[in-house]
Amino acid sequence: MSSTPLRVLLSRRCCDILVLSRKAASQRARWRLFVVLPGPADDWPAFEWPTSRRHMIPTPDERARALASLGYRLAPDATWSWTEDETPDYHDHPRAVSLLGSTVVVPLPDGA
C-alpha cells in the first residue's frame, strides 16, 4: 500500500430505517467511521461503535484506535473538520442534529 492520503468520514447514523417502531429505530443509532476508497461503498473499511455509545462522539483516542484496527492512521498534520446538519424529513422520527467528521489518513506501514 502507498502512503497516499485518503479521506476518512465519521458519521452518526440517526436511526435504523428498517425498524418499524420510531423509538426502536432511533435507539439503534450509532457512530460509524469509514475510509473512502475507490470502488463501491460496500467495500470500504468501516468501524462501528455500539449503539450504547450513540450519544457520545468517539474521542480522538477512540478514533485513532478504530483507524488502526482498519490499518490506517491520521496523516501528518491532519485535523478533523465537522459539518452539522439536520436529519432528512423523510425519516420516521423527529428531526435531529446530524454530524459528519472528516479528515485525511494514510495506511499504516505494516497494515492492520
C-alpha atoms as a PDB file:
ATOM      1  CA  MET A   1       0.000   0.000   0.000  1.00  0.00           C
ATOM      2  CA  SER A   2       1.228   3.501  -0.780  1.00  0.00           C
ATOM      3  CA  SER A   3       1.113   6.328   1.734  1.00  0.00           C
ATOM      4  CA  THR A   4      -1.269   8.330  -0.447  1.00  0.00           C
ATOM      5  CA  PRO A   5      -3.631  10.306   1.808  1.00  0.00           C
ATOM      6  CA  LEU A   6      -7.212   9.083   1.834  1.00  0.00           C
ATOM      7  CA  ARG A   7     -10.355  10.662   3.231  1.00  0.00           C
ATOM      8  CA  VAL A   8     -11.999   9.153   6.301  1.00  0.00           C
ATOM      9  CA  LEU A   9     -15.505  10.008   7.464  1.00  0.00           C
ATOM     10  CA  LEU A  10     -17.117   9.693  10.879  1.00  0.00           C
ATOM     11  CA  SER A  11     -20.879   9.896  10.951  1.00  0.00           C
ATOM     12  CA  ARG A  12     -23.640   9.238  13.415  1.00  0.00           C
ATOM     13  CA  ARG A  13     -26.393   7.284  11.834  1.00  0.00           C
ATOM     14  CA  CYS A  14     -29.590   8.825  13.174  1.00  0.00           C
ATOM     15  CA  CYS A  15     -31.619   5.608  13.129  1.00  0.00           C
ATOM     16  CA  ASP A  16     -32.163   2.220  11.592  1.00  0.00           C
ATOM     17  CA  ILE A  17     -34.846   2.927   8.993  1.00  0.00           C
ATOM     18  CA  LEU A  18     -35.574  -0.792   8.635  1.00  0.00           C
ATOM     19  CA  VAL A  19     -37.055  -0.909  12.155  1.00  0.00           C
ATOM     20  CA  LEU A  20     -40.789  -0.181  12.273  1.00  0.00           C
ATOM     21  CA  SER A  21     -41.019   1.439  15.715  1.00  0.00           C
ATOM     22  CA  ARG A  22     -39.802   5.050  15.947  1.00  0.00           C
ATOM     23  CA  LYS A  23     -38.309   4.516  19.391  1.00  0.00           C
ATOM     24  CA  ALA A  24     -36.566   1.272  18.427  1.00  0.00           C
ATOM     25  CA  ALA A  25     -35.264   2.849  15.217  1.00  0.00           C
ATOM     26  CA  SER A  26     -33.639   5.815  16.964  1.00  0.00           C
ATOM     27  CA  GLN A  27     -32.222   3.598  19.731  1.00  0.00           C
ATOM     28  CA  ARG A  28     -30.243   1.751  17.055  1.00  0.00           C
ATOM     29  CA  ALA A  29     -28.361   4.909  16.061  1.00  0.00           C
ATOM     30  CA  ARG A  30     -24.592   4.513  16.128  1.00  0.00           C
ATOM     31  CA  TRP A  31     -21.310   6.175  15.173  1.00  0.00           C
ATOM     32  CA  ARG A  32     -19.583   4.767  12.106  1.00  0.00           C
ATOM     33  CA  LEU A  33     -16.089   5.518  10.788  1.00  0.00           C
ATOM     34  CA  PHE A  34     -15.195   4.544   7.234  1.00  0.00           C
ATOM     35  CA  VAL A  35     -12.270   5.016   4.859  1.00  0.00           C
ATOM     36  CA  VAL A  36     -13.301   6.263   1.426  1.00  0.00           C
ATOM     37  CA  LEU A  37     -11.634   4.127  -1.250  1.00  0.00           C
ATOM     38  CA  PRO A  38     -12.163   3.812  -4.991  1.00  0.00           C
ATOM     39  CA  GLY A  39     -14.947   1.360  -5.749  1.00  0.00           C
ATOM     40  CA  PRO A  40     -18.293   0.503  -4.159  1.00  0.00           C
ATOM     41  CA  ALA A  41     -19.024   1.877  -0.680  1.00  0.00           C
ATOM     42  CA  ASP A  42     -19.831  -1.676   0.482  1.00  0.00           C
ATOM     43  CA  ASP A  43     -16.099  -2.439   0.115  1.00  0.00           C
ATOM     44  CA  TRP A  44     -14.886   0.497   2.241  1.00  0.00           C
ATOM     45  CA  PRO A  45     -13.193  -0.454   5.541  1.00  0.00           C
ATOM     46  CA  ALA A  46     -15.519   0.527   8.378  1.00  0.00           C
ATOM     47  CA  PHE A  47     -15.708   0.513  12.165  1.00  0.00           C
ATOM     48  CA  GLU A  48     -18.933   0.885  14.175  1.00  0.00           C
ATOM     49  CA  TRP A  49     -19.273   1.790  17.825  1.00  0.00           C
ATOM     50  CA  PRO A  50     -22.014   0.085  19.851  1.00  0.00           C
ATOM     51  CA  THR A  51     -25.473   1.634  19.980  1.00  0.00           C
ATOM     52  CA  SER A  52     -24.940   2.261  23.701  1.00  0.00           C
ATOM     53  CA  ARG A  53     -22.449   4.987  22.611  1.00  0.00           C
ATOM     54  CA  ARG A  54     -24.888   6.696  20.232  1.00  0.00           C
ATOM     55  CA  HIS A  55     -24.961   9.940  22.251  1.00  0.00           C
ATOM     56  CA  MET A  56     -21.169  10.186  22.746  1.00  0.00           C
ATOM     57  CA  ILE A  57     -18.922  11.352  19.929  1.00  0.00           C
ATOM     58  CA  PRO A  58     -15.916   8.997  19.807  1.00  0.00           C
ATOM     59  CA  THR A  59     -12.871  10.670  21.362  1.00  0.00           C
ATOM     60  CA  PRO A  60      -9.714  11.341  19.338  1.00  0.00           C
ATOM     61  CA  ASP A  61      -8.045   8.320  21.000  1.00  0.00           C
ATOM     62  CA  GLU A  62     -11.034   6.081  20.207  1.00  0.00           C
ATOM     63  CA  ARG A  63     -10.977   7.259  16.597  1.00  0.00           C
ATOM     64  CA  ALA A  64      -7.230   6.571  16.380  1.00  0.00           C
ATOM     65  CA  ARG A  65      -7.717   3.029  17.730  1.00  0.00           C
ATOM     66  CA  ALA A  66     -10.575   2.426  15.275  1.00  0.00           C
ATOM     67  CA  LEU A  67      -8.420   3.658  12.390  1.00  0.00           C
ATOM     68  CA  ALA A  68      -5.521   1.438  13.484  1.00  0.00           C
ATOM     69  CA  SER A  69      -7.843  -1.583  13.600  1.00  0.00           C
ATOM     70  CA  LEU A  70      -8.601  -0.844   9.925  1.00  0.00           C
ATOM     71  CA  GLY A  71      -4.909  -0.377   9.035  1.00  0.00           C
ATOM     72  CA  TYR A  72      -4.773   3.440   8.916  1.00  0.00           C
ATOM     73  CA  ARG A  73      -3.621   6.452  10.936  1.00  0.00           C
ATOM     74  CA  LEU A  74      -4.090  10.194  10.680  1.00  0.00           C
ATOM     75  CA  ALA A  75      -1.920  11.807   8.016  1.00  0.00           C
ATOM     76  CA  PRO A  76       0.795  14.139   9.327  1.00  0.00           C
ATOM     77  CA  ASP A  77      -0.721  17.480  10.397  1.00  0.00           C
ATOM     78  CA  ALA A  78      -4.260  16.191   9.710  1.00  0.00           C
ATOM     79  CA  THR A  79      -7.105  17.693  11.715  1.00  0.00           C
ATOM     80  CA  TRP A  80     -10.775  16.768  11.929  1.00  0.00           C
ATOM     81  CA  SER A  81     -13.342  19.055  10.320  1.00  0.00           C
ATOM     82  CA  TRP A  82     -17.018  18.851  11.281  1.00  0.00           C
ATOM     83  CA  THR A  83     -20.251  19.519   9.443  1.00  0.00           C
ATOM     84  CA  GLU A  84     -23.576  19.824  11.245  1.00  0.00           C
ATOM     85  CA  ASP A  85     -26.902  19.249   9.531  1.00  0.00           C
ATOM     86  CA  GLU A  86     -30.405  18.057  10.353  1.00  0.00           C
ATOM     87  CA  THR A  87     -31.737  14.627   9.568  1.00  0.00           C
ATOM     88  CA  PRO A  88     -33.964  14.482   6.483  1.00  0.00           C
ATOM     89  CA  ASP A  89     -37.747  14.950   6.708  1.00  0.00           C
ATOM     90  CA  TYR A  90     -38.419  11.514   5.241  1.00  0.00           C
ATOM     91  CA  HIS A  91     -37.157   9.725   8.359  1.00  0.00           C
ATOM     92  CA  ASP A  92     -39.977   8.450  10.539  1.00  0.00           C
ATOM     93  CA  HIS A  93     -38.867  10.261  13.685  1.00  0.00           C
ATOM     94  CA  PRO A  94     -38.441  13.857  14.868  1.00  0.00           C
ATOM     95  CA  ARG A  95     -35.648  15.804  13.193  1.00  0.00           C
ATOM     96  CA  ALA A  96     -32.278  15.593  14.917  1.00  0.00           C
ATOM     97  CA  VAL A  97     -28.813  17.066  14.504  1.00  0.00           C
ATOM     98  CA  SER A  98     -26.607  15.005  12.241  1.00  0.00           C
ATOM     99  CA  LEU A  99     -22.811  15.309  12.499  1.00  0.00           C
ATOM    100  CA  LEU A 100     -20.185  14.367   9.927  1.00  0.00           C
ATOM    101  CA  GLY A 101     -16.473  14.423  10.751  1.00  0.00           C
ATOM    102  CA  SER A 102     -13.801  14.224   8.096  1.00  0.00           C
ATOM    103  CA  THR A 103     -10.020  14.066   7.965  1.00  0.00           C
ATOM    104  CA  VAL A 104      -7.138  12.625   5.964  1.00  0.00           C
ATOM    105  CA  VAL A 105      -5.477   9.294   6.756  1.00  0.00           C
ATOM    106  CA  VAL A 106      -2.625   7.187   5.414  1.00  0.00           C
ATOM    107  CA  PRO A 107      -2.162   3.418   5.563  1.00  0.00           C
ATOM    108  CA  LEU A 108      -0.114   2.050   8.444  1.00  0.00           C
ATOM    109  CA  PRO A 109       3.300   0.841   7.245  1.00  0.00           C
ATOM    110  CA  ASP A 110       2.571  -2.747   8.320  1.00  0.00           C
ATOM    111  CA  GLY A 111      -1.203  -2.792   7.594  1.00  0.00           C
ATOM    112  CA  ALA A 112      -3.887  -3.715  10.084  1.00  0.00           C
END
